[in-house]
Amino acid sequence: MSDIKKLTEKIIKFRNERDWKQFHNPKDVALSLILEAGEVMEHFQWKNKEEIEKYIVHNKTEIGEELADVLYWVLLMSHDLKIDILDALDKKIKKNEKKYPLRKARGKHTKYNKL
């Protein structure tokens, strides 16, 4: 059994034990995902490069907790929508490899349609 499948099973067990599935429609799960991603961003808001580097050293645990919350909602949503998230990621990487070929994209932050 993959680590992703084990994590997803833990999440589903956690949710089911609390009878929360009734609240987990796709819209609200997507909102929760975005809200948690915003909490990740709060750690870096208004900080310059040097401040961010120092902040990370002392706040990795808190940042990690917010990233874990994002992963929680991604795994929950992919489970509920019956999306194999690892397969979806693999396909997306292959798609991006075509959109951003090395010879054009290496070392650039330009969007694919401007390369």
N, C-alpha and C. Protein backbone atom coordinates (compact mmCIF):
# COMPACT_ATOMS: atom_id res chain seq x y z
N MET A 1 0.84 -1.19 0.00
CA MET A 1 0.00 0.00 0.00
C MET A 1 0.89 1.25 0.00
N SER A 2 0.55 2.19 -0.85
CA SER A 2 1.37 3.40 -0.97
C SER A 2 1.19 4.30 0.25
N ASP A 3 2.18 5.16 0.46
CA ASP A 3 2.10 6.14 1.56
C ASP A 3 0.91 7.07 1.38
N ILE A 4 0.62 7.45 0.13
CA ILE A 4 -0.52 8.34 -0.14
C ILE A 4 -1.82 7.64 0.25
N LYS A 5 -1.93 6.38 -0.09
CA LYS A 5 -3.15 5.63 0.25
C LYS A 5 -3.29 5.51 1.77
N LYS A 6 -2.19 5.25 2.46
CA LYS A 6 -2.23 5.17 3.93
C LYS A 6 -2.64 6.50 4.55
N LEU A 7 -2.07 7.59 4.07
CA LEU A 7 -2.43 8.91 4.57
C LEU A 7 -3.91 9.21 4.31
N THR A 8 -4.36 8.88 3.12
CA THR A 8 -5.76 9.12 2.77
C THR A 8 -6.68 8.32 3.68
N GLU A 9 -6.33 7.08 3.94
CA GLU A 9 -7.14 6.25 4.84
C GLU A 9 -7.19 6.86 6.24
N LYS A 10 -6.08 7.40 6.75
CA LYS A 10 -6.06 8.07 8.05
C LYS A 10 -7.00 9.27 8.06
N ILE A 11 -6.95 10.04 6.99
CA ILE A 11 -7.79 11.24 6.88
C ILE A 11 -9.27 10.85 6.86
N ILE A 12 -9.61 9.84 6.08
CA ILE A 12 -11.00 9.40 5.98
C ILE A 12 -11.48 8.86 7.32
N LYS A 13 -10.64 8.09 7.99
CA LYS A 13 -10.98 7.56 9.31
C LYS A 13 -11.23 8.72 10.29
N PHE A 14 -10.34 9.69 10.31
CA PHE A 14 -10.47 10.86 11.18
C PHE A 14 -11.81 11.55 10.92
N ARG A 15 -12.10 11.79 9.63
CA ARG A 15 -13.34 12.46 9.27
C ARG A 15 -14.57 11.63 9.65
N ASN A 16 -14.54 10.36 9.32
CA ASN A 16 -15.70 9.51 9.56
C ASN A 16 -16.00 9.33 11.04
N GLU A 17 -14.95 9.25 11.85
CA GLU A 17 -15.16 9.11 13.29
C GLU A 17 -15.89 10.32 13.87
N ARG A 18 -15.77 11.45 13.23
CA ARG A 18 -16.39 12.69 13.71
C ARG A 18 -17.70 13.02 12.97
N ASP A 19 -18.08 12.15 12.05
CA ASP A 19 -19.30 12.34 11.26
C ASP A 19 -19.28 13.68 10.53
N TRP A 20 -18.15 14.00 9.88
CA TRP A 20 -18.00 15.28 9.19
C TRP A 20 -18.24 15.18 7.69
N LYS A 21 -18.36 13.96 7.16
CA LYS A 21 -18.55 13.83 5.71
C LYS A 21 -19.74 14.65 5.23
N GLN A 22 -20.75 14.75 6.07
CA GLN A 22 -21.96 15.50 5.70
C GLN A 22 -21.66 16.96 5.37
N PHE A 23 -20.55 17.48 5.85
CA PHE A 23 -20.18 18.88 5.61
C PHE A 23 -19.19 19.05 4.46
N HIS A 24 -18.72 17.93 3.91
CA HIS A 24 -17.61 17.97 2.96
C HIS A 24 -18.07 17.87 1.51
N ASN A 25 -18.79 18.85 1.06
CA ASN A 25 -19.12 18.93 -0.36
C ASN A 25 -17.92 19.53 -1.09
N PRO A 26 -17.83 19.34 -2.41
CA PRO A 26 -16.64 19.82 -3.13
C PRO A 26 -16.36 21.31 -2.95
N LYS A 27 -17.39 22.13 -2.92
CA LYS A 27 -17.17 23.57 -2.75
C LYS A 27 -16.51 23.88 -1.42
N ASP A 28 -17.03 23.33 -0.35
CA ASP A 28 -16.48 23.65 0.97
C ASP A 28 -15.11 23.04 1.19
N VAL A 29 -14.86 21.88 0.63
CA VAL A 29 -13.53 21.29 0.72
C VAL A 29 -12.53 22.14 -0.07
N ALA A 30 -12.93 22.60 -1.26
CA ALA A 30 -12.06 23.47 -2.05
C ALA A 30 -11.79 24.78 -1.31
N LEU A 31 -12.81 25.34 -0.67
CA LEU A 31 -12.61 26.56 0.13
C LEU A 31 -11.63 26.32 1.27
N SER A 32 -11.76 25.18 1.93
CA SER A 32 -10.84 24.85 3.03
C SER A 32 -9.41 24.73 2.53
N LEU A 33 -9.25 24.14 1.36
CA LEU A 33 -7.93 24.01 0.74
C LEU A 33 -7.32 25.39 0.49
N ILE A 34 -8.10 26.29 -0.05
CA ILE A 34 -7.61 27.64 -0.34
C ILE A 34 -7.31 28.41 0.95
N LEU A 35 -8.16 28.26 1.94
CA LEU A 35 -7.93 28.94 3.22
C LEU A 35 -6.63 28.46 3.86
N GLU A 36 -6.37 27.17 3.82
CA GLU A 36 -5.13 26.64 4.39
C GLU A 36 -3.92 27.10 3.58
N ALA A 37 -4.05 27.17 2.26
CA ALA A 37 -2.95 27.68 1.43
C ALA A 37 -2.67 29.14 1.80
N GLY A 38 -3.71 29.89 2.10
CA GLY A 38 -3.54 31.27 2.55
C GLY A 38 -2.78 31.34 3.86
N GLU A 39 -3.02 30.38 4.74
CA GLU A 39 -2.29 30.35 6.01
C GLU A 39 -0.81 30.06 5.79
N VAL A 40 -0.49 29.29 4.76
CA VAL A 40 0.92 29.09 4.40
C VAL A 40 1.51 30.44 3.99
N MET A 41 0.80 31.16 3.16
CA MET A 41 1.28 32.45 2.66
C MET A 41 1.47 33.47 3.77
N GLU A 42 0.66 33.42 4.80
CA GLU A 42 0.79 34.37 5.90
C GLU A 42 2.18 34.34 6.54
N HIS A 43 2.80 33.18 6.50
CA HIS A 43 4.14 33.07 7.09
C HIS A 43 5.17 33.93 6.35
N PHE A 44 4.91 34.24 5.10
CA PHE A 44 5.88 34.95 4.28
C PHE A 44 5.46 36.38 3.91
N GLN A 45 4.22 36.70 4.22
CA GLN A 45 3.71 38.02 3.85
C GLN A 45 4.53 39.13 4.49
N TRP A 46 4.85 40.13 3.69
CA TRP A 46 5.53 41.35 4.10
C TRP A 46 6.99 41.14 4.52
N LYS A 47 7.56 39.99 4.21
CA LYS A 47 8.95 39.74 4.57
C LYS A 47 9.81 39.80 3.32
N ASN A 48 11.00 40.38 3.45
CA ASN A 48 11.94 40.36 2.32
C ASN A 48 12.70 39.03 2.35
N LYS A 49 13.58 38.84 1.38
CA LYS A 49 14.31 37.58 1.24
C LYS A 49 15.06 37.21 2.52
N GLU A 50 15.77 38.15 3.10
CA GLU A 50 16.57 37.88 4.30
C GLU A 50 15.65 37.53 5.49
N GLU A 51 14.56 38.26 5.63
CA GLU A 51 13.62 37.99 6.72
C GLU A 51 12.99 36.61 6.57
N ILE A 52 12.68 36.24 5.34
CA ILE A 52 12.10 34.92 5.09
C ILE A 52 13.09 33.83 5.47
N GLU A 53 14.34 33.99 5.08
CA GLU A 53 15.35 32.97 5.40
C GLU A 53 15.47 32.78 6.90
N LYS A 54 15.51 33.86 7.67
CA LYS A 54 15.57 33.77 9.14
C LYS A 54 14.30 33.16 9.71
N TYR A 55 13.19 33.60 9.18
CA TYR A 55 11.88 33.13 9.68
C TYR A 55 11.75 31.62 9.51
N ILE A 56 12.15 31.11 8.36
CA ILE A 56 12.03 29.68 8.10
C ILE A 56 12.81 28.87 9.13
N VAL A 57 14.00 29.32 9.48
CA VAL A 57 14.83 28.59 10.45
C VAL A 57 14.08 28.38 11.76
N HIS A 58 13.35 29.39 12.21
CA HIS A 58 12.70 29.34 13.51
C HIS A 58 11.23 28.90 13.46
N ASN A 59 10.67 28.73 12.28
CA ASN A 59 9.24 28.46 12.18
C ASN A 59 8.90 27.29 11.26
N LYS A 60 9.84 26.39 11.05
CA LYS A 60 9.60 25.25 10.16
C LYS A 60 8.44 24.39 10.64
N THR A 61 8.32 24.19 11.92
CA THR A 61 7.24 23.35 12.45
C THR A 61 5.88 23.94 12.09
N GLU A 62 5.72 25.24 12.31
CA GLU A 62 4.45 25.89 12.03
C GLU A 62 4.15 25.90 10.53
N ILE A 63 5.16 26.16 9.73
CA ILE A 63 4.98 26.13 8.27
C ILE A 63 4.60 24.72 7.84
N GLY A 64 5.28 23.74 8.39
CA GLY A 64 4.98 22.34 8.08
C GLY A 64 3.56 21.96 8.43
N GLU A 65 3.06 22.47 9.55
CA GLU A 65 1.67 22.19 9.94
C GLU A 65 0.69 22.76 8.93
N GLU A 66 0.98 23.94 8.43
CA GLU A 66 0.09 24.54 7.43
C GLU A 66 0.18 23.77 6.11
N LEU A 67 1.37 23.35 5.72
CA LEU A 67 1.51 22.54 4.51
C LEU A 67 0.77 21.21 4.67
N ALA A 68 0.83 20.64 5.88
CA ALA A 68 0.10 19.40 6.15
C ALA A 68 -1.40 19.60 6.02
N ASP A 69 -1.89 20.76 6.45
CA ASP A 69 -3.32 21.06 6.30
C ASP A 69 -3.70 21.12 4.82
N VAL A 70 -2.84 21.72 4.01
CA VAL A 70 -3.10 21.78 2.56
C VAL A 70 -3.15 20.37 1.99
N LEU A 71 -2.18 19.55 2.35
CA LEU A 71 -2.14 18.17 1.86
C LEU A 71 -3.37 17.40 2.32
N TYR A 72 -3.80 17.61 3.55
CA TYR A 72 -5.01 16.97 4.08
C TYR A 72 -6.18 17.21 3.13
N TRP A 73 -6.41 18.47 2.77
CA TRP A 73 -7.56 18.80 1.93
C TRP A 73 -7.38 18.29 0.51
N VAL A 74 -6.17 18.30 -0.01
CA VAL A 74 -5.92 17.75 -1.35
C VAL A 74 -6.25 16.26 -1.37
N LEU A 75 -5.77 15.53 -0.37
CA LEU A 75 -6.02 14.09 -0.33
C LEU A 75 -7.50 13.79 -0.10
N LEU A 76 -8.14 14.55 0.75
CA LEU A 76 -9.57 14.34 1.01
C LEU A 76 -10.38 14.60 -0.25
N MET A 77 -10.09 15.71 -0.90
CA MET A 77 -10.85 16.06 -2.11
C MET A 77 -10.62 15.04 -3.22
N SER A 78 -9.38 14.64 -3.43
CA SER A 78 -9.10 13.66 -4.49
C SER A 78 -9.80 12.34 -4.17
N HIS A 79 -9.85 11.96 -2.90
CA HIS A 79 -10.57 10.74 -2.51
C HIS A 79 -12.05 10.86 -2.82
N ASP A 80 -12.66 11.95 -2.36
CA ASP A 80 -14.10 12.12 -2.53
C ASP A 80 -14.51 12.22 -3.99
N LEU A 81 -13.64 12.81 -4.82
CA LEU A 81 -13.95 12.95 -6.25
C LEU A 81 -13.44 11.77 -7.07
N LYS A 82 -12.88 10.78 -6.38
CA LYS A 82 -12.36 9.57 -7.02
C LYS A 82 -11.31 9.91 -8.08
N ILE A 83 -10.38 10.76 -7.69
CA ILE A 83 -9.26 11.14 -8.55
C ILE A 83 -8.00 10.51 -7.98
N ASP A 84 -7.31 9.75 -8.79
CA ASP A 84 -6.02 9.19 -8.38
C ASP A 84 -5.02 10.33 -8.46
N ILE A 85 -4.71 10.91 -7.31
CA ILE A 85 -3.90 12.13 -7.29
C ILE A 85 -2.49 11.90 -7.81
N LEU A 86 -1.92 10.74 -7.56
CA LEU A 86 -0.57 10.46 -8.08
C LEU A 86 -0.59 10.34 -9.60
N ASP A 87 -1.63 9.71 -10.14
CA ASP A 87 -1.77 9.61 -11.59
C ASP A 87 -2.01 11.00 -12.19
N ALA A 88 -2.85 11.79 -11.54
CA ALA A 88 -3.12 13.16 -12.01
C ALA A 88 -1.84 13.99 -12.01
N LEU A 89 -1.04 13.85 -10.96
CA LEU A 89 0.23 14.59 -10.89
C LEU A 89 1.19 14.15 -11.98
N ASP A 90 1.28 12.85 -12.20
CA ASP A 90 2.16 12.34 -13.25
C ASP A 90 1.75 12.88 -14.62
N LYS A 91 0.46 12.87 -14.89
CA LYS A 91 -0.03 13.39 -16.18
C LYS A 91 0.22 14.88 -16.30
N LYS A 92 0.06 15.61 -15.21
CA LYS A 92 0.29 17.06 -15.24
C LYS A 92 1.76 17.37 -15.48
N ILE A 93 2.65 16.62 -14.86
CA ILE A 93 4.09 16.83 -15.09
C ILE A 93 4.41 16.60 -16.57
N LYS A 94 3.87 15.53 -17.14
CA LYS A 94 4.12 15.25 -18.57
C LYS A 94 3.58 16.37 -19.45
N LYS A 95 2.41 16.87 -19.10
CA LYS A 95 1.82 17.98 -19.85
C LYS A 95 2.71 19.23 -19.75
N ASN A 96 3.20 19.51 -18.55
CA ASN A 96 4.07 20.67 -18.35
C ASN A 96 5.41 20.52 -19.05
N GLU A 97 5.90 19.30 -19.14
CA GLU A 97 7.16 19.07 -19.88
C GLU A 97 7.00 19.47 -21.34
N LYS A 98 5.82 19.26 -21.90
CA LYS A 98 5.57 19.66 -23.29
C LYS A 98 5.37 21.17 -23.39
N LYS A 99 4.69 21.75 -22.41
CA LYS A 99 4.44 23.20 -22.43
C LYS A 99 5.71 23.99 -22.17
N TYR A 100 6.61 23.42 -21.39
CA TYR A 100 7.85 24.10 -21.00
C TYR A 100 9.06 23.25 -21.39
N PRO A 101 9.34 23.14 -22.69
CA PRO A 101 10.50 22.33 -23.11
C PRO A 101 11.79 22.95 -22.58
N LEU A 102 12.72 22.09 -22.21
CA LEU A 102 13.98 22.55 -21.62
C LEU A 102 14.68 23.60 -22.46
N ARG A 103 14.74 23.39 -23.75
CA ARG A 103 15.49 24.31 -24.61
C ARG A 103 14.92 25.72 -24.58
N LYS A 104 13.63 25.86 -24.28
CA LYS A 104 13.01 27.18 -24.24
C LYS A 104 12.84 27.72 -22.82
N ALA A 105 12.62 26.83 -21.86
CA ALA A 105 12.20 27.27 -20.53
C ALA A 105 13.32 27.30 -19.49
N ARG A 106 14.41 26.64 -19.73
CA ARG A 106 15.46 26.54 -18.72
C ARG A 106 15.93 27.92 -18.25
N GLY A 107 15.83 28.15 -16.94
CA GLY A 107 16.30 29.39 -16.34
C GLY A 107 15.39 30.58 -16.55
N LYS A 108 14.18 30.34 -17.08
CA LYS A 108 13.25 31.44 -17.33
C LYS A 108 11.97 31.23 -16.51
N HIS A 109 11.33 32.32 -16.14
CA HIS A 109 10.06 32.22 -15.43
C HIS A 109 8.89 32.64 -16.32
N THR A 110 9.14 32.70 -17.61
CA THR A 110 8.15 33.13 -18.58
C THR A 110 7.05 32.08 -18.73
N LYS A 111 5.80 32.54 -18.87
CA LYS A 111 4.69 31.62 -19.10
C LYS A 111 4.87 30.94 -20.45
N TYR A 112 4.38 29.70 -20.53
CA TYR A 112 4.60 28.87 -21.71
C TYR A 112 4.19 29.54 -23.03
N ASN A 113 3.13 30.34 -23.02
CA ASN A 113 2.68 30.94 -24.27
C ASN A 113 3.51 32.16 -24.68
N LYS A 114 4.49 32.52 -23.86
CA LYS A 114 5.39 33.64 -24.18
C LYS A 114 6.82 33.18 -24.43
N LEU A 115 7.07 31.90 -24.36
CA LEU A 115 8.44 31.37 -24.59
C LEU A 115 8.85 31.48 -26.04
